Amino acid sequence: MTSDILVSEVGPRDGLQSIVRTMPTAAKKAWIAAEAAAGVREIEVGSFVPAGLLPQLADTAEIVAFAKSIPGLAVAVLVPNLRGAQAAVAAGADKITLPLSVSETHSLANLRRTHVQVIEQARAIAALIAGLPKDRRPHFEGSLSTVFGCTLEGAIPLDQILGLAEQLMAAGCDEVGLSDTSGYADPAAVKSMIRAVRGVVGDKALTGIHLHNTRGLGLANVLAALDMGLDTVDASLGGIGGCPFAPGASGNIVTEDLVFMLQAMGLRTGIDLGKLLEVRKIVAEALPGEPLYGFTPDAGLPLGFVPEQRVRTKEAAE
């Protein structure tokens, strides 16, 4: 298990796309700026999809431009196709994620594309990126969505998952990610899936995972992923979000609870947990009445909790 963990905040994209209310652009900017000031190093700030489909994210280009002005922040976005990737490149995004649902039924509901068509889009996006100057090329991730099971299809054959992972890499992705879109994962399944996917794409091509806490196993699944050597974990402030095209797939893991667990274990995140907890006020004020989740925000930090001391203690023990 590595001692340095990248917590990637996905609330401004995955969280906001799953609720009906639209957060004002000014509030989104305040949220992103506050998280960056708390030490969050990567934030998925939006998605380049047609405004008619997700009006909550219609201001993504403006949000990317703002986020790019924050020193040291990696600005990530989700894109559904080449057109979205072109908009992401024009806006200056540092990381582009293309979701490929291993469930074709979900892929048709989410992207309105078959597996073959999504791979074609991945190939076109990779060509777009390759044609850019090296210093302007965003990192390109192909996310294997519904990889632990789908509310529309159930379990997906492993051979199908591995074949799609290989095709994404062959199409030109820099890496693949695992996404528990439906909240079906358990710790044993997480370890098994990481082992299997790395077996076909290599260790360096799988570093991150996106988990939901639908059945209360989110943080347990994080530990399983860390045990397997992954070092990047997605989370959403207040646990908002899910997937509007996967019925019942509620509940991203809570950023605040994740950071507390990692720091309590003596792992480095670079995040000031006290400042992170304060960011909830911005979200709560911008989305009155929207439920926010998390045990750590409710209970507070333990008396005398000093993350830096825990890191030093862990290093000394090793």
C-alpha atoms as a PDB file:
ATOM      1  CA  MET A   1       0.000   0.000   0.000  1.00  0.00           C
ATOM      2  CA  THR A   2       1.400   3.381  -1.018  1.00  0.00           C
ATOM      3  CA  SER A   3       1.548   6.155   1.603  1.00  0.00           C
ATOM      4  CA  ASP A   4       0.479   8.911  -0.809  1.00  0.00           C
ATOM      5  CA  ILE A   5      -3.162   8.818  -1.880  1.00  0.00           C
ATOM      6  CA  LEU A   6      -4.790  11.122  -4.416  1.00  0.00           C
ATOM      7  CA  VAL A   7      -8.357  11.932  -3.408  1.00  0.00           C
ATOM      8  CA  SER A   8     -10.163  13.078  -6.555  1.00  0.00           C
ATOM      9  CA  GLU A   9     -13.226  15.182  -5.785  1.00  0.00           C
ATOM     10  CA  VAL A  10     -16.093  14.400  -8.188  1.00  0.00           C
ATOM     11  CA  GLY A  11     -18.960  16.214  -6.483  1.00  0.00           C
ATOM     12  CA  PRO A  12     -19.115  19.159  -8.908  1.00  0.00           C
ATOM     13  CA  ARG A  13     -19.734  16.653 -11.712  1.00  0.00           C
ATOM     14  CA  ASP A  14     -21.077  13.325 -10.485  1.00  0.00           C
ATOM     15  CA  GLY A  15     -22.765  14.864  -7.476  1.00  0.00           C
ATOM     16  CA  LEU A  16     -24.514  17.731  -9.227  1.00  0.00           C
ATOM     17  CA  GLN A  17     -25.608  15.754 -12.291  1.00  0.00           C
ATOM     18  CA  SER A  18     -27.639  13.455 -10.072  1.00  0.00           C
ATOM     19  CA  ILE A  19     -29.815  16.085  -8.420  1.00  0.00           C
ATOM     20  CA  VAL A  20     -32.575  18.132 -10.018  1.00  0.00           C
ATOM     21  CA  ARG A  21     -31.561  21.508  -8.635  1.00  0.00           C
ATOM     22  CA  THR A  22     -28.915  23.541 -10.481  1.00  0.00           C
ATOM     23  CA  MET A  23     -26.162  25.024  -8.338  1.00  0.00           C
ATOM     24  CA  PRO A  24     -25.356  28.646  -9.255  1.00  0.00           C
ATOM     25  CA  THR A  25     -22.094  29.069 -11.140  1.00  0.00           C
ATOM     26  CA  ALA A  26     -20.710  31.392  -8.474  1.00  0.00           C
ATOM     27  CA  ALA A  27     -21.325  28.743  -5.815  1.00  0.00           C
ATOM     28  CA  LYS A  28     -19.582  26.084  -7.911  1.00  0.00           C
ATOM     29  CA  LYS A  29     -16.552  28.334  -8.197  1.00  0.00           C
ATOM     30  CA  ALA A  30     -16.558  28.989  -4.454  1.00  0.00           C
ATOM     31  CA  TRP A  31     -16.806  25.227  -3.791  1.00  0.00           C
ATOM     32  CA  ILE A  32     -13.914  24.383  -6.093  1.00  0.00           C
ATOM     33  CA  ALA A  33     -11.723  27.212  -4.801  1.00  0.00           C
ATOM     34  CA  ALA A  34     -12.363  26.234  -1.185  1.00  0.00           C
ATOM     35  CA  GLU A  35     -11.537  22.573  -1.783  1.00  0.00           C
ATOM     36  CA  ALA A  36      -8.356  23.500  -3.610  1.00  0.00           C
ATOM     37  CA  ALA A  37      -7.414  25.784  -0.708  1.00  0.00           C
ATOM     38  CA  ALA A  38      -7.972  22.811   1.615  1.00  0.00           C
ATOM     39  CA  GLY A  39      -5.390  20.850  -0.364  1.00  0.00           C
ATOM     40  CA  VAL A  40      -7.522  18.806  -2.762  1.00  0.00           C
ATOM     41  CA  ARG A  41      -5.266  18.298  -5.781  1.00  0.00           C
ATOM     42  CA  GLU A  42      -7.717  17.003  -8.410  1.00  0.00           C
ATOM     43  CA  ILE A  43     -11.342  17.968  -8.980  1.00  0.00           C
ATOM     44  CA  GLU A  44     -13.712  16.723 -11.664  1.00  0.00           C
ATOM     45  CA  VAL A  45     -15.437  20.036 -12.261  1.00  0.00           C
ATOM     46  CA  GLY A  46     -18.068  19.109 -14.837  1.00  0.00           C
ATOM     47  CA  SER A  47     -19.064  17.247 -17.960  1.00  0.00           C
ATOM     48  CA  PHE A  48     -19.222  18.371 -21.578  1.00  0.00           C
ATOM     49  CA  VAL A  49     -22.644  17.011 -22.442  1.00  0.00           C
ATOM     50  CA  PRO A  50     -25.530  18.789 -24.221  1.00  0.00           C
ATOM     51  CA  ALA A  51     -27.134  21.318 -21.902  1.00  0.00           C
ATOM     52  CA  GLY A  52     -30.539  19.890 -22.716  1.00  0.00           C
ATOM     53  CA  LEU A  53     -29.545  16.566 -21.167  1.00  0.00           C
ATOM     54  CA  LEU A  54     -27.813  17.899 -18.054  1.00  0.00           C
ATOM     55  CA  PRO A  55     -28.650  21.582 -17.540  1.00  0.00           C
ATOM     56  CA  GLN A  56     -26.962  21.304 -14.128  1.00  0.00           C
ATOM     57  CA  LEU A  57     -23.604  21.206 -15.949  1.00  0.00           C
ATOM     58  CA  ALA A  58     -24.255  23.673 -18.767  1.00  0.00           C
ATOM     59  CA  ASP A  59     -21.607  26.051 -17.407  1.00  0.00           C
ATOM     60  CA  THR A  60     -18.762  23.511 -17.496  1.00  0.00           C
ATOM     61  CA  ALA A  61     -16.581  25.499 -19.918  1.00  0.00           C
ATOM     62  CA  GLU A  62     -16.732  28.537 -17.629  1.00  0.00           C
ATOM     63  CA  ILE A  63     -16.036  26.368 -14.587  1.00  0.00           C
ATOM     64  CA  VAL A  64     -12.995  24.777 -16.260  1.00  0.00           C
ATOM     65  CA  ALA A  65     -11.609  28.207 -17.150  1.00  0.00           C
ATOM     66  CA  PHE A  66     -12.002  29.300 -13.540  1.00  0.00           C
ATOM     67  CA  ALA A  67     -10.497  26.121 -12.097  1.00  0.00           C
ATOM     68  CA  LYS A  68      -7.508  26.399 -14.418  1.00  0.00           C
ATOM     69  CA  SER A  69      -6.652  29.695 -12.721  1.00  0.00           C
ATOM     70  CA  ILE A  70      -6.033  27.878  -9.412  1.00  0.00           C
ATOM     71  CA  PRO A  71      -2.326  26.988  -9.085  1.00  0.00           C
ATOM     72  CA  GLY A  72      -1.553  23.308  -8.626  1.00  0.00           C
ATOM     73  CA  LEU A  73      -5.080  22.035  -9.279  1.00  0.00           C
ATOM     74  CA  ALA A  74      -5.590  19.233 -11.803  1.00  0.00           C
ATOM     75  CA  VAL A  75      -8.851  19.986 -13.588  1.00  0.00           C
ATOM     76  CA  ALA A  76     -10.746  16.879 -14.710  1.00  0.00           C
ATOM     77  CA  VAL A  77     -13.902  16.541 -16.805  1.00  0.00           C
ATOM     78  CA  LEU A  78     -16.078  13.747 -18.151  1.00  0.00           C
ATOM     79  CA  VAL A  79     -16.870  13.603 -21.872  1.00  0.00           C
ATOM     80  CA  PRO A  80     -19.379  11.333 -23.647  1.00  0.00           C
ATOM     81  CA  ASN A  81     -17.864  11.567 -27.132  1.00  0.00           C
ATOM     82  CA  LEU A  82     -15.390  13.292 -29.464  1.00  0.00           C
ATOM     83  CA  ARG A  83     -17.428  16.493 -29.538  1.00  0.00           C
ATOM     84  CA  GLY A  84     -17.263  16.701 -25.769  1.00  0.00           C
ATOM     85  CA  ALA A  85     -13.529  16.016 -25.852  1.00  0.00           C
ATOM     86  CA  GLN A  86     -13.030  18.831 -28.357  1.00  0.00           C
ATOM     87  CA  ALA A  87     -14.821  21.202 -25.994  1.00  0.00           C
ATOM     88  CA  ALA A  88     -12.731  19.913 -23.073  1.00  0.00           C
ATOM     89  CA  VAL A  89      -9.493  20.472 -24.977  1.00  0.00           C
ATOM     90  CA  ALA A  90     -10.584  23.957 -26.007  1.00  0.00           C
ATOM     91  CA  ALA A  91     -11.367  24.770 -22.375  1.00  0.00           C
ATOM     92  CA  GLY A  92      -7.954  23.483 -21.241  1.00  0.00           C
ATOM     93  CA  ALA A  93      -8.923  20.485 -19.094  1.00  0.00           C
ATOM     94  CA  ASP A  94      -6.003  18.527 -17.632  1.00  0.00           C
ATOM     95  CA  LYS A  95      -7.787  15.169 -17.575  1.00  0.00           C
ATOM     96  CA  ILE A  96     -10.527  13.722 -19.749  1.00  0.00           C
ATOM     97  CA  THR A  97     -12.561  10.669 -18.764  1.00  0.00           C
ATOM     98  CA  LEU A  98     -14.648   8.752 -21.291  1.00  0.00           C
ATOM     99  CA  PRO A  99     -17.089   6.328 -19.631  1.00  0.00           C
ATOM    100  CA  LEU A 100     -17.533   2.949 -21.281  1.00  0.00           C
ATOM    101  CA  SER A 101     -20.189   0.923 -19.530  1.00  0.00           C
ATOM    102  CA  VAL A 102     -19.344  -2.772 -19.657  1.00  0.00           C
ATOM    103  CA  SER A 103     -23.138  -3.280 -19.628  1.00  0.00           C
ATOM    104  CA  GLU A 104     -24.259  -2.484 -23.159  1.00  0.00           C
ATOM    105  CA  THR A 105     -27.810  -1.839 -21.935  1.00  0.00           C
ATOM    106  CA  HIS A 106     -26.478   0.832 -19.585  1.00  0.00           C
ATOM    107  CA  SER A 107     -24.199   2.178 -22.318  1.00  0.00           C
ATOM    108  CA  LEU A 108     -27.207   2.708 -24.578  1.00  0.00           C
ATOM    109  CA  ALA A 109     -29.126   4.405 -21.754  1.00  0.00           C
ATOM    110  CA  ASN A 110     -26.192   6.563 -20.651  1.00  0.00           C
ATOM    111  CA  LEU A 111     -24.376   7.415 -23.904  1.00  0.00           C
ATOM    112  CA  ARG A 112     -26.811   6.103 -26.509  1.00  0.00           C
ATOM    113  CA  ARG A 113     -23.932   4.117 -27.988  1.00  0.00           C
ATOM    114  CA  THR A 114     -22.957   0.479 -28.327  1.00  0.00           C
ATOM    115  CA  HIS A 115     -19.584  -0.812 -27.156  1.00  0.00           C
ATOM    116  CA  VAL A 116     -18.229  -0.668 -30.699  1.00  0.00           C
ATOM    117  CA  GLN A 117     -19.325   2.937 -31.052  1.00  0.00           C
ATOM    118  CA  VAL A 118     -17.764   3.975 -27.733  1.00  0.00           C
ATOM    119  CA  ILE A 119     -14.443   2.387 -28.704  1.00  0.00           C
ATOM    120  CA  GLU A 120     -14.613   4.320 -31.983  1.00  0.00           C
ATOM    121  CA  GLN A 121     -15.087   7.515 -29.980  1.00  0.00           C
ATOM    122  CA  ALA A 122     -12.112   6.596 -27.765  1.00  0.00           C
ATOM    123  CA  ARG A 123      -9.961   6.128 -30.849  1.00  0.00           C
ATOM    124  CA  ALA A 124     -11.051   9.505 -32.232  1.00  0.00           C
ATOM    125  CA  ILE A 125     -10.377  11.266 -28.913  1.00  0.00           C
ATOM    126  CA  ALA A 126      -6.923   9.690 -28.675  1.00  0.00           C
ATOM    127  CA  ALA A 127      -6.143  10.942 -32.180  1.00  0.00           C
ATOM    128  CA  LEU A 128      -7.338  14.429 -31.214  1.00  0.00           C
ATOM    129  CA  ILE A 129      -5.046  14.448 -28.190  1.00  0.00           C
ATOM    130  CA  ALA A 130      -2.080  13.052 -30.120  1.00  0.00           C
ATOM    131  CA  GLY A 131      -2.388  15.943 -32.563  1.00  0.00           C
ATOM    132  CA  LEU A 132      -1.895  18.518 -29.809  1.00  0.00           C
ATOM    133  CA  PRO A 133       1.455  19.927 -28.651  1.00  0.00           C
ATOM    134  CA  LYS A 134       2.809  17.751 -25.850  1.00  0.00           C
ATOM    135  CA  ASP A 135       2.327  20.436 -23.224  1.00  0.00           C
ATOM    136  CA  ARG A 136      -1.386  20.716 -24.085  1.00  0.00           C
ATOM    137  CA  ARG A 137      -2.290  17.046 -24.099  1.00  0.00           C
ATOM    138  CA  PRO A 138      -4.749  16.121 -21.341  1.00  0.00           C
ATOM    139  CA  HIS A 139      -4.492  12.768 -19.595  1.00  0.00           C
ATOM    140  CA  PHE A 140      -7.002  10.399 -21.172  1.00  0.00           C
ATOM    141  CA  GLU A 141      -8.802   7.817 -19.031  1.00  0.00           C
ATOM    142  CA  GLY A 142     -11.295   5.235 -20.213  1.00  0.00           C
ATOM    143  CA  SER A 143     -13.592   4.417 -17.302  1.00  0.00           C
ATOM    144  CA  LEU A 144     -15.066   0.909 -17.118  1.00  0.00           C
ATOM    145  CA  SER A 145     -18.505   1.727 -15.729  1.00  0.00           C
ATOM    146  CA  THR A 146     -20.894  -0.791 -14.098  1.00  0.00           C
ATOM    147  CA  VAL A 147     -17.832  -3.015 -13.808  1.00  0.00           C
ATOM    148  CA  PHE A 148     -19.068  -4.752 -10.641  1.00  0.00           C
ATOM    149  CA  GLY A 149     -22.604  -5.261 -11.920  1.00  0.00           C
ATOM    150  CA  CYS A 150     -25.484  -3.379 -13.482  1.00  0.00           C
ATOM    151  CA  THR A 151     -28.996  -2.655 -12.247  1.00  0.00           C
ATOM    152  CA  LEU A 152     -30.208  -3.222 -15.808  1.00  0.00           C
ATOM    153  CA  GLU A 153     -28.260  -6.390 -16.714  1.00  0.00           C
ATOM    154  CA  GLY A 154     -26.928  -7.806 -13.471  1.00  0.00           C
ATOM    155  CA  ALA A 155     -23.461  -9.371 -13.432  1.00  0.00           C
ATOM    156  CA  ILE A 156     -21.317  -8.776 -16.518  1.00  0.00           C
ATOM    157  CA  PRO A 157     -19.118 -11.624 -17.829  1.00  0.00           C
ATOM    158  CA  LEU A 158     -15.479 -11.103 -16.856  1.00  0.00           C
ATOM    159  CA  ASP A 159     -14.247 -11.922 -20.361  1.00  0.00           C
ATOM    160  CA  GLN A 160     -16.376  -9.089 -21.710  1.00  0.00           C
ATOM    161  CA  ILE A 161     -14.939  -6.662 -19.134  1.00  0.00           C
ATOM    162  CA  LEU A 162     -11.344  -7.629 -19.849  1.00  0.00           C
ATOM    163  CA  GLY A 163     -11.869  -7.433 -23.593  1.00  0.00           C
ATOM    164  CA  LEU A 164     -13.238  -3.893 -23.292  1.00  0.00           C
ATOM    165  CA  ALA A 165     -10.327  -2.873 -21.052  1.00  0.00           C
ATOM    166  CA  GLU A 166      -7.885  -4.100 -23.679  1.00  0.00           C
ATOM    167  CA  GLN A 167      -9.780  -2.301 -26.437  1.00  0.00           C
ATOM    168  CA  LEU A 168      -9.714   1.002 -24.549  1.00  0.00           C
ATOM    169  CA  MET A 169      -5.945   0.797 -24.158  1.00  0.00           C
ATOM    170  CA  ALA A 170      -5.506  -0.254 -27.787  1.00  0.00           C
ATOM    171  CA  ALA A 171      -7.665   2.733 -28.811  1.00  0.00           C
ATOM    172  CA  GLY A 172      -5.160   5.082 -27.162  1.00  0.00           C
ATOM    173  CA  CYS A 173      -6.276   5.661 -23.571  1.00  0.00           C
ATOM    174  CA  ASP A 174      -3.507   6.440 -21.087  1.00  0.00           C
ATOM    175  CA  GLU A 175      -5.204   4.293 -18.474  1.00  0.00           C
ATOM    176  CA  VAL A 176      -8.449   2.604 -17.520  1.00  0.00           C
ATOM    177  CA  GLY A 177     -10.393   3.195 -14.328  1.00  0.00           C
ATOM    178  CA  LEU A 178     -12.913   1.040 -12.481  1.00  0.00           C
ATOM    179  CA  SER A 179     -16.326   2.461 -11.625  1.00  0.00           C
ATOM    180  CA  ASP A 180     -18.870   0.851  -9.307  1.00  0.00           C
ATOM    181  CA  THR A 181     -21.702   2.754 -10.959  1.00  0.00           C
ATOM    182  CA  SER A 182     -24.427   0.615  -9.415  1.00  0.00           C
ATOM    183  CA  GLY A 183     -22.969   0.215  -5.933  1.00  0.00           C
ATOM    184  CA  TYR A 184     -22.619  -3.567  -6.278  1.00  0.00           C
ATOM    185  CA  ALA A 185     -18.972  -3.968  -5.234  1.00  0.00           C
ATOM    186  CA  ASP A 186     -17.648  -5.744  -2.147  1.00  0.00           C
ATOM    187  CA  PRO A 187     -14.012  -5.934  -0.946  1.00  0.00           C
ATOM    188  CA  ALA A 188     -13.363  -9.396  -2.386  1.00  0.00           C
ATOM    189  CA  ALA A 189     -14.836  -8.383  -5.735  1.00  0.00           C
ATOM    190  CA  VAL A 190     -12.706  -5.215  -5.771  1.00  0.00           C
ATOM    191  CA  LYS A 191      -9.496  -7.172  -5.257  1.00  0.00           C
ATOM    192  CA  SER A 192     -10.456  -9.792  -7.799  1.00  0.00           C
ATOM    193  CA  MET A 193     -11.396  -7.218 -10.446  1.00  0.00           C
ATOM    194  CA  ILE A 194      -8.220  -5.179  -9.979  1.00  0.00           C
ATOM    195  CA  ARG A 195      -6.124  -8.321 -10.280  1.00  0.00           C
ATOM    196  CA  ALA A 196      -7.957  -9.431 -13.423  1.00  0.00           C
ATOM    197  CA  VAL A 197      -7.913  -6.072 -15.226  1.00  0.00           C
ATOM    198  CA  ARG A 198      -4.266  -5.446 -14.404  1.00  0.00           C
ATOM    199  CA  GLY A 199      -3.565  -8.860 -15.829  1.00  0.00           C
ATOM    200  CA  VAL A 200      -4.536  -7.590 -19.290  1.00  0.00           C
ATOM    201  CA  VAL A 201      -3.588  -3.878 -19.176  1.00  0.00           C
ATOM    202  CA  GLY A 202      -0.644  -3.861 -16.732  1.00  0.00           C
ATOM    203  CA  ASP A 203      -0.241  -2.340 -13.282  1.00  0.00           C
ATOM    204  CA  LYS A 204       0.544   1.191 -14.503  1.00  0.00           C
ATOM    205  CA  ALA A 205      -2.617   1.360 -16.612  1.00  0.00           C
ATOM    206  CA  LEU A 206      -4.939   0.943 -13.600  1.00  0.00           C
ATOM    207  CA  THR A 207      -4.399   3.305 -10.675  1.00  0.00           C
ATOM    208  CA  GLY A 208      -7.845   4.657  -9.769  1.00  0.00           C
ATOM    209  CA  ILE A 209     -11.313   3.588  -8.695  1.00  0.00           C
ATOM    210  CA  HIS A 210     -14.736   5.224  -8.374  1.00  0.00           C
ATOM    211  CA  LEU A 211     -16.909   3.707  -5.661  1.00  0.00           C
ATOM    212  CA  HIS A 212     -20.428   4.202  -4.324  1.00  0.00           C
ATOM    213  CA  ASN A 213     -21.637   3.627  -0.783  1.00  0.00           C
ATOM    214  CA  THR A 214     -25.052   2.326  -1.815  1.00  0.00           C
ATOM    215  CA  ARG A 215     -24.958  -0.612   0.616  1.00  0.00           C
ATOM    216  CA  GLY A 216     -22.516   0.776   3.147  1.00  0.00           C
ATOM    217  CA  LEU A 217     -19.388  -0.894   1.744  1.00  0.00           C
ATOM    218  CA  GLY A 218     -17.739   2.175   0.218  1.00  0.00           C
ATOM    219  CA  LEU A 219     -14.827   2.624   2.614  1.00  0.00           C
ATOM    220  CA  ALA A 220     -14.302  -1.122   2.972  1.00  0.00           C
ATOM    221  CA  ASN A 221     -13.980  -1.256  -0.800  1.00  0.00           C
ATOM    222  CA  VAL A 222     -11.471   1.605  -0.694  1.00  0.00           C
ATOM    223  CA  LEU A 223      -9.292  -0.391   1.700  1.00  0.00           C
ATOM    224  CA  ALA A 224      -9.420  -3.379  -0.647  1.00  0.00           C
ATOM    225  CA  ALA A 225      -8.346  -1.164  -3.547  1.00  0.00           C
ATOM    226  CA  LEU A 226      -5.478   0.339  -1.542  1.00  0.00           C
ATOM    227  CA  ASP A 227      -4.327  -3.143  -0.528  1.00  0.00           C
ATOM    228  CA  MET A 228      -4.057  -3.932  -4.240  1.00  0.00           C
ATOM    229  CA  GLY A 229      -1.850  -0.887  -4.833  1.00  0.00           C
ATOM    230  CA  LEU A 230      -4.282   1.645  -6.279  1.00  0.00           C
ATOM    231  CA  ASP A 231      -3.482   5.208  -5.232  1.00  0.00           C
ATOM    232  CA  THR A 232      -6.346   7.309  -6.625  1.00  0.00           C
ATOM    233  CA  VAL A 233      -9.856   7.279  -5.153  1.00  0.00           C
ATOM    234  CA  ASP A 234     -12.873   9.315  -6.265  1.00  0.00           C
ATOM    235  CA  ALA A 235     -15.217  10.782  -3.662  1.00  0.00           C
ATOM    236  CA  SER A 236     -17.946  13.397  -3.416  1.00  0.00           C
ATOM    237  CA  LEU A 237     -18.268  16.061  -0.745  1.00  0.00           C
ATOM    238  CA  GLY A 238     -21.231  15.194   1.433  1.00  0.00           C
ATOM    239  CA  GLY A 239     -21.698  11.971  -0.523  1.00  0.00           C
ATOM    240  CA  ILE A 240     -23.991  13.597  -3.065  1.00  0.00           C
ATOM    241  CA  GLY A 241     -24.483  11.908  -6.408  1.00  0.00           C
ATOM    242  CA  GLY A 242     -24.987   8.559  -8.034  1.00  0.00           C
ATOM    243  CA  CYS A 243     -25.998   7.799 -11.611  1.00  0.00           C
ATOM    244  CA  PRO A 244     -29.252   9.048 -13.160  1.00  0.00           C
ATOM    245  CA  PHE A 245     -29.203   6.188 -15.676  1.00  0.00           C
ATOM    246  CA  ALA A 246     -28.713   3.360 -13.144  1.00  0.00           C
ATOM    247  CA  PRO A 247     -31.819   3.113 -10.936  1.00  0.00           C
ATOM    248  CA  GLY A 248     -30.996   2.760  -7.264  1.00  0.00           C
ATOM    249  CA  ALA A 249     -27.317   3.650  -7.683  1.00  0.00           C
ATOM    250  CA  SER A 250     -27.285   6.278  -4.966  1.00  0.00           C
ATOM    251  CA  GLY A 251     -24.460   7.488  -2.843  1.00  0.00           C
ATOM    252  CA  ASN A 252     -20.893   8.358  -3.741  1.00  0.00           C
ATOM    253  CA  ILE A 253     -18.456   7.776  -0.902  1.00  0.00           C
ATOM    254  CA  VAL A 254     -18.130  10.852   1.316  1.00  0.00           C
ATOM    255  CA  THR A 255     -14.942  12.835   0.733  1.00  0.00           C
ATOM    256  CA  GLU A 256     -14.756  13.932   4.357  1.00  0.00           C
ATOM    257  CA  ASP A 257     -15.073  10.377   5.726  1.00  0.00           C
ATOM    258  CA  LEU A 258     -12.564   9.060   3.178  1.00  0.00           C
ATOM    259  CA  VAL A 259      -9.965  11.686   4.063  1.00  0.00           C
ATOM    260  CA  PHE A 260     -10.436  11.058   7.784  1.00  0.00           C
ATOM    261  CA  MET A 261      -9.945   7.306   7.330  1.00  0.00           C
ATOM    262  CA  LEU A 262      -6.824   7.752   5.211  1.00  0.00           C
ATOM    263  CA  GLN A 263      -5.271  10.238   7.607  1.00  0.00           C
ATOM    264  CA  ALA A 264      -6.186   8.129  10.650  1.00  0.00           C
ATOM    265  CA  MET A 265      -4.272   5.308   8.968  1.00  0.00           C
ATOM    266  CA  GLY A 266      -1.214   7.526   8.614  1.00  0.00           C
ATOM    267  CA  LEU A 267      -1.539   7.972   4.856  1.00  0.00           C
ATOM    268  CA  ARG A 268      -0.790  11.260   3.121  1.00  0.00           C
ATOM    269  CA  THR A 269      -3.512  13.110   1.233  1.00  0.00           C
ATOM    270  CA  GLY A 270      -2.183  16.678   1.380  1.00  0.00           C
ATOM    271  CA  ILE A 271      -5.634  17.777   2.572  1.00  0.00           C
ATOM    272  CA  ASP A 272      -6.391  19.920   5.603  1.00  0.00           C
ATOM    273  CA  LEU A 273      -9.377  18.047   7.021  1.00  0.00           C
ATOM    274  CA  GLY A 274     -10.549  20.955   9.146  1.00  0.00           C
ATOM    275  CA  LYS A 275     -10.715  23.210   6.084  1.00  0.00           C
ATOM    276  CA  LEU A 276     -12.398  20.488   4.061  1.00  0.00           C
ATOM    277  CA  LEU A 277     -15.184  20.175   6.623  1.00  0.00           C
ATOM    278  CA  GLU A 278     -15.820  23.907   6.296  1.00  0.00           C
ATOM    279  CA  VAL A 279     -16.483  23.522   2.557  1.00  0.00           C
ATOM    280  CA  ARG A 280     -19.776  21.770   3.366  1.00  0.00           C
ATOM    281  CA  LYS A 281     -21.225  25.144   4.352  1.00  0.00           C
ATOM    282  CA  ILE A 282     -20.815  26.412   0.779  1.00  0.00           C
ATOM    283  CA  VAL A 283     -22.613  23.405  -0.673  1.00  0.00           C
ATOM    284  CA  ALA A 284     -25.345  23.426   1.960  1.00  0.00           C
ATOM    285  CA  GLU A 285     -26.085  27.112   1.401  1.00  0.00           C
ATOM    286  CA  ALA A 286     -26.163  26.703  -2.393  1.00  0.00           C
ATOM    287  CA  LEU A 287     -28.401  23.614  -2.241  1.00  0.00           C
ATOM    288  CA  PRO A 288     -30.807  24.250   0.665  1.00  0.00           C
ATOM    289  CA  GLY A 289     -32.683  21.128   1.652  1.00  0.00           C
ATOM    290  CA  GLU A 290     -30.422  18.788  -0.328  1.00  0.00           C
ATOM    291  CA  PRO A 291     -29.242  15.994   2.006  1.00  0.00           C
ATOM    292  CA  LEU A 292     -25.527  15.853   2.781  1.00  0.00           C
ATOM    293  CA  TYR A 293     -24.050  12.712   4.295  1.00  0.00           C
ATOM    294  CA  GLY A 294     -21.010  11.811   6.360  1.00  0.00           C
ATOM    295  CA  PHE A 295     -20.162  10.478   9.801  1.00  0.00           C
ATOM    296  CA  THR A 296     -17.049  12.593  10.344  1.00  0.00           C
ATOM    297  CA  PRO A 297     -18.840  15.932   9.818  1.00  0.00           C
ATOM    298  CA  ASP A 298     -21.484  14.896  12.361  1.00  0.00           C
ATOM    299  CA  ALA A 299     -19.130  13.453  14.978  1.00  0.00           C
ATOM    300  CA  GLY A 300     -16.241  15.889  14.557  1.00  0.00           C
ATOM    301  CA  LEU A 301     -12.560  15.028  14.794  1.00  0.00           C
ATOM    302  CA  PRO A 302     -11.270  13.028  17.769  1.00  0.00           C
ATOM    303  CA  LEU A 303      -9.650  15.014  20.566  1.00  0.00           C
ATOM    304  CA  GLY A 304      -5.996  15.569  19.735  1.00  0.00           C
ATOM    305  CA  PHE A 305      -6.280  14.239  16.170  1.00  0.00           C
ATOM    306  CA  VAL A 306      -3.117  15.327  14.319  1.00  0.00           C
ATOM    307  CA  PRO A 307      -2.730  13.712  10.864  1.00  0.00           C
ATOM    308  CA  GLU A 308       0.942  14.667  10.552  1.00  0.00           C
ATOM    309  CA  GLN A 309       1.837  12.755  13.712  1.00  0.00           C
ATOM    310  CA  ARG A 310       0.060   9.666  12.407  1.00  0.00           C
ATOM    311  CA  VAL A 311       2.044   9.823   9.166  1.00  0.00           C
ATOM    312  CA  ARG A 312       5.313  10.051  11.093  1.00  0.00           C
ATOM    313  CA  THR A 313       4.281   7.208  13.388  1.00  0.00           C
ATOM    314  CA  LYS A 314       3.426   5.010  10.396  1.00  0.00           C
ATOM    315  CA  GLU A 315       6.744   5.819   8.700  1.00  0.00           C
ATOM    316  CA  ALA A 316       8.682   5.026  11.867  1.00  0.00           C
ATOM    317  CA  ALA A 317       6.910   1.682  12.185  1.00  0.00           C
ATOM    318  CA  GLU A 318       7.841   0.806   8.602  1.00  0.00           C
END
